[in-house]
Amino acid sequence: MVLDVDMPSGGGGRIFNIIRRVLQLKKPVIFVTGLPEKARGLAATYRWVSVLQKPVGGDLLLDEVNRLLAAAEMLH
């Protein structure tokens, strides 16, 4: 899942909290933001969460997706 920290209607952090706490889903999440300090706490707290600073090129995003998926596969 790719989220922007400053999405409308509460931001990606709010959406992330709903997914994690209410739905209890544990899926890899990449936060893409112009303000990476807003999401670093989430990345430090939760497994398989990373933060990329805007602008993000397609290659960097795909590399991060592959890294997170490989990490998740190693635990299954």
N, C-alpha and C. Protein backbone atom coordinates (compact mmCIF):
# COMPACT_ATOMS: atom_id res chain seq x y z
N MET A 1 0.84 -1.15 0.00
CA MET A 1 0.00 0.00 0.00
C MET A 1 0.90 1.22 0.00
N VAL A 2 0.56 2.20 -0.80
CA VAL A 2 1.30 3.46 -0.85
C VAL A 2 0.35 4.56 -0.40
N LEU A 3 0.78 5.32 0.61
CA LEU A 3 -0.03 6.40 1.16
C LEU A 3 0.77 7.69 1.18
N ASP A 4 0.09 8.79 1.02
CA ASP A 4 0.69 10.11 1.22
C ASP A 4 0.33 10.55 2.63
N VAL A 5 1.28 11.06 3.37
CA VAL A 5 1.02 11.48 4.74
C VAL A 5 -0.07 12.55 4.79
N ASP A 6 -0.09 13.45 3.81
CA ASP A 6 -1.03 14.57 3.83
C ASP A 6 -2.20 14.41 2.87
N MET A 7 -2.75 13.22 2.79
CA MET A 7 -3.93 12.99 1.95
C MET A 7 -5.13 13.73 2.54
N PRO A 8 -6.10 14.09 1.70
CA PRO A 8 -7.33 14.71 2.23
C PRO A 8 -8.06 13.77 3.20
N SER A 9 -8.92 14.31 4.00
CA SER A 9 -9.73 13.55 4.96
C SER A 9 -8.90 12.91 6.07
N GLY A 10 -7.90 13.61 6.54
CA GLY A 10 -7.17 13.11 7.70
C GLY A 10 -5.77 12.62 7.41
N GLY A 11 -5.42 12.46 6.18
CA GLY A 11 -4.06 12.05 5.84
C GLY A 11 -3.84 10.57 5.88
N GLY A 12 -2.72 10.19 5.30
CA GLY A 12 -2.34 8.78 5.23
C GLY A 12 -2.12 8.17 6.60
N GLY A 13 -1.66 8.97 7.56
CA GLY A 13 -1.48 8.46 8.91
C GLY A 13 -2.79 7.99 9.52
N ARG A 14 -3.85 8.73 9.28
CA ARG A 14 -5.18 8.33 9.78
C ARG A 14 -5.64 7.05 9.10
N ILE A 15 -5.49 6.98 7.80
CA ILE A 15 -5.87 5.79 7.06
C ILE A 15 -5.06 4.58 7.55
N PHE A 16 -3.77 4.79 7.74
CA PHE A 16 -2.88 3.74 8.24
C PHE A 16 -3.36 3.23 9.60
N ASN A 17 -3.70 4.15 10.51
CA ASN A 17 -4.17 3.74 11.84
C ASN A 17 -5.46 2.95 11.77
N ILE A 18 -6.36 3.33 10.89
CA ILE A 18 -7.61 2.57 10.73
C ILE A 18 -7.30 1.16 10.25
N ILE A 19 -6.44 1.07 9.25
CA ILE A 19 -6.09 -0.25 8.71
C ILE A 19 -5.42 -1.12 9.76
N ARG A 20 -4.48 -0.56 10.50
CA ARG A 20 -3.72 -1.34 11.49
C ARG A 20 -4.54 -1.66 12.74
N ARG A 21 -5.21 -0.67 13.29
CA ARG A 21 -5.87 -0.86 14.59
C ARG A 21 -7.29 -1.40 14.47
N VAL A 22 -8.06 -0.85 13.58
CA VAL A 22 -9.46 -1.25 13.47
C VAL A 22 -9.59 -2.55 12.67
N LEU A 23 -8.97 -2.59 11.51
CA LEU A 23 -9.08 -3.78 10.67
C LEU A 23 -8.03 -4.83 11.01
N GLN A 24 -7.01 -4.45 11.74
CA GLN A 24 -5.91 -5.31 12.18
C GLN A 24 -5.21 -6.01 11.02
N LEU A 25 -5.04 -5.28 9.94
CA LEU A 25 -4.29 -5.81 8.80
C LEU A 25 -2.82 -5.44 8.96
N LYS A 26 -1.96 -6.36 8.64
CA LYS A 26 -0.52 -6.12 8.74
C LYS A 26 0.10 -6.31 7.36
N LYS A 27 0.00 -5.28 6.58
CA LYS A 27 0.51 -5.29 5.21
C LYS A 27 1.59 -4.24 5.07
N PRO A 28 2.53 -4.44 4.13
CA PRO A 28 3.56 -3.43 3.90
C PRO A 28 2.94 -2.10 3.46
N VAL A 29 3.50 -1.01 3.99
CA VAL A 29 3.03 0.32 3.66
C VAL A 29 4.23 1.21 3.35
N ILE A 30 4.12 1.97 2.28
CA ILE A 30 5.12 2.97 1.94
C ILE A 30 4.44 4.33 2.02
N PHE A 31 4.99 5.19 2.86
CA PHE A 31 4.52 6.57 2.92
C PHE A 31 5.39 7.40 1.99
N VAL A 32 4.75 8.13 1.08
CA VAL A 32 5.44 9.04 0.18
C VAL A 32 5.03 10.43 0.60
N THR A 33 6.00 11.28 0.92
CA THR A 33 5.67 12.57 1.48
C THR A 33 6.75 13.60 1.21
N GLY A 34 6.35 14.84 1.20
CA GLY A 34 7.29 15.94 1.13
C GLY A 34 7.83 16.29 2.51
N LEU A 35 7.19 15.75 3.54
CA LEU A 35 7.58 16.00 4.93
C LEU A 35 7.83 14.67 5.63
N PRO A 36 8.97 14.02 5.36
CA PRO A 36 9.23 12.68 5.89
C PRO A 36 9.22 12.59 7.41
N GLU A 37 9.50 13.71 8.09
CA GLU A 37 9.49 13.67 9.56
C GLU A 37 8.11 13.36 10.12
N LYS A 38 7.05 13.62 9.36
CA LYS A 38 5.69 13.32 9.80
C LYS A 38 5.41 11.82 9.88
N ALA A 39 6.15 11.01 9.14
CA ALA A 39 5.88 9.57 9.09
C ALA A 39 6.99 8.73 9.70
N ARG A 40 8.09 9.32 10.08
CA ARG A 40 9.21 8.52 10.61
C ARG A 40 8.83 7.76 11.87
N GLY A 41 7.99 8.33 12.70
CA GLY A 41 7.55 7.62 13.91
C GLY A 41 6.79 6.35 13.57
N LEU A 42 5.97 6.39 12.53
CA LEU A 42 5.25 5.19 12.11
C LEU A 42 6.22 4.15 11.58
N ALA A 43 7.20 4.58 10.82
CA ALA A 43 8.18 3.65 10.26
C ALA A 43 9.02 3.02 11.37
N ALA A 44 9.28 3.76 12.43
CA ALA A 44 10.07 3.23 13.54
C ALA A 44 9.24 2.29 14.42
N THR A 45 7.94 2.48 14.44
CA THR A 45 7.05 1.72 15.32
C THR A 45 6.56 0.42 14.70
N TYR A 46 6.29 0.44 13.41
CA TYR A 46 5.67 -0.71 12.76
C TYR A 46 6.61 -1.39 11.79
N ARG A 47 6.53 -2.69 11.76
CA ARG A 47 7.29 -3.51 10.83
C ARG A 47 6.73 -3.30 9.42
N TRP A 48 7.58 -3.35 8.43
CA TRP A 48 7.21 -3.25 7.02
C TRP A 48 6.58 -1.91 6.65
N VAL A 49 7.05 -0.86 7.30
CA VAL A 49 6.63 0.49 6.95
C VAL A 49 7.87 1.26 6.57
N SER A 50 7.81 1.94 5.44
CA SER A 50 8.95 2.77 5.05
C SER A 50 8.46 4.14 4.61
N VAL A 51 9.39 5.07 4.55
CA VAL A 51 9.07 6.45 4.19
C VAL A 51 10.00 6.87 3.05
N LEU A 52 9.41 7.38 1.99
CA LEU A 52 10.16 7.92 0.86
C LEU A 52 9.80 9.39 0.69
N GLN A 53 10.80 10.20 0.43
CA GLN A 53 10.55 11.63 0.26
C GLN A 53 10.23 11.96 -1.18
N LYS A 54 9.21 12.81 -1.37
CA LYS A 54 8.84 13.29 -2.70
C LYS A 54 9.93 14.21 -3.22
N PRO A 55 10.15 14.27 -4.50
CA PRO A 55 9.55 13.43 -5.52
C PRO A 55 10.21 12.05 -5.55
N VAL A 56 9.41 11.04 -5.81
CA VAL A 56 9.90 9.66 -5.84
C VAL A 56 9.80 9.16 -7.27
N GLY A 57 10.92 8.71 -7.78
CA GLY A 57 10.93 8.12 -9.13
C GLY A 57 10.36 6.71 -9.09
N GLY A 58 9.92 6.26 -10.22
CA GLY A 58 9.33 4.92 -10.33
C GLY A 58 10.29 3.81 -9.92
N ASP A 59 11.56 3.93 -10.29
CA ASP A 59 12.54 2.90 -9.94
C ASP A 59 12.73 2.79 -8.43
N LEU A 60 12.83 3.93 -7.75
CA LEU A 60 13.00 3.91 -6.30
C LEU A 60 11.77 3.31 -5.61
N LEU A 61 10.59 3.67 -6.08
CA LEU A 61 9.36 3.13 -5.50
C LEU A 61 9.29 1.62 -5.71
N LEU A 62 9.59 1.16 -6.90
CA LEU A 62 9.57 -0.29 -7.15
C LEU A 62 10.63 -1.03 -6.34
N ASP A 63 11.80 -0.44 -6.17
CA ASP A 63 12.83 -1.05 -5.33
C ASP A 63 12.34 -1.21 -3.90
N GLU A 64 11.65 -0.20 -3.39
CA GLU A 64 11.15 -0.26 -2.01
C GLU A 64 10.02 -1.28 -1.88
N VAL A 65 9.15 -1.35 -2.87
CA VAL A 65 8.10 -2.37 -2.87
C VAL A 65 8.72 -3.76 -2.84
N ASN A 66 9.70 -3.99 -3.68
CA ASN A 66 10.36 -5.30 -3.72
C ASN A 66 11.06 -5.62 -2.42
N ARG A 67 11.69 -4.63 -1.79
CA ARG A 67 12.37 -4.84 -0.51
C ARG A 67 11.38 -5.24 0.58
N LEU A 68 10.27 -4.53 0.66
CA LEU A 68 9.26 -4.84 1.68
C LEU A 68 8.62 -6.20 1.45
N LEU A 69 8.33 -6.53 0.20
CA LEU A 69 7.73 -7.84 -0.09
C LEU A 69 8.71 -8.97 0.22
N ALA A 70 9.98 -8.78 -0.08
CA ALA A 70 10.98 -9.81 0.23
C ALA A 70 11.09 -10.00 1.75
N ALA A 71 11.06 -8.91 2.50
CA ALA A 71 11.12 -9.00 3.97
C ALA A 71 9.90 -9.74 4.51
N ALA A 72 8.73 -9.47 3.95
CA ALA A 72 7.51 -10.14 4.41
C ALA A 72 7.55 -11.62 4.07
N GLU A 73 8.07 -11.97 2.90
CA GLU A 73 8.17 -13.37 2.48
C GLU A 73 9.10 -14.18 3.39
N MET A 74 10.16 -13.55 3.86
CA MET A 74 11.14 -14.25 4.70
C MET A 74 10.52 -14.70 6.02
N LEU A 75 9.47 -14.04 6.46
CA LEU A 75 8.85 -14.38 7.74
C LEU A 75 7.72 -15.39 7.61
N HIS A 76 7.37 -15.75 6.39
CA HIS A 76 6.26 -16.72 6.21
C HIS A 76 6.78 -18.09 5.90
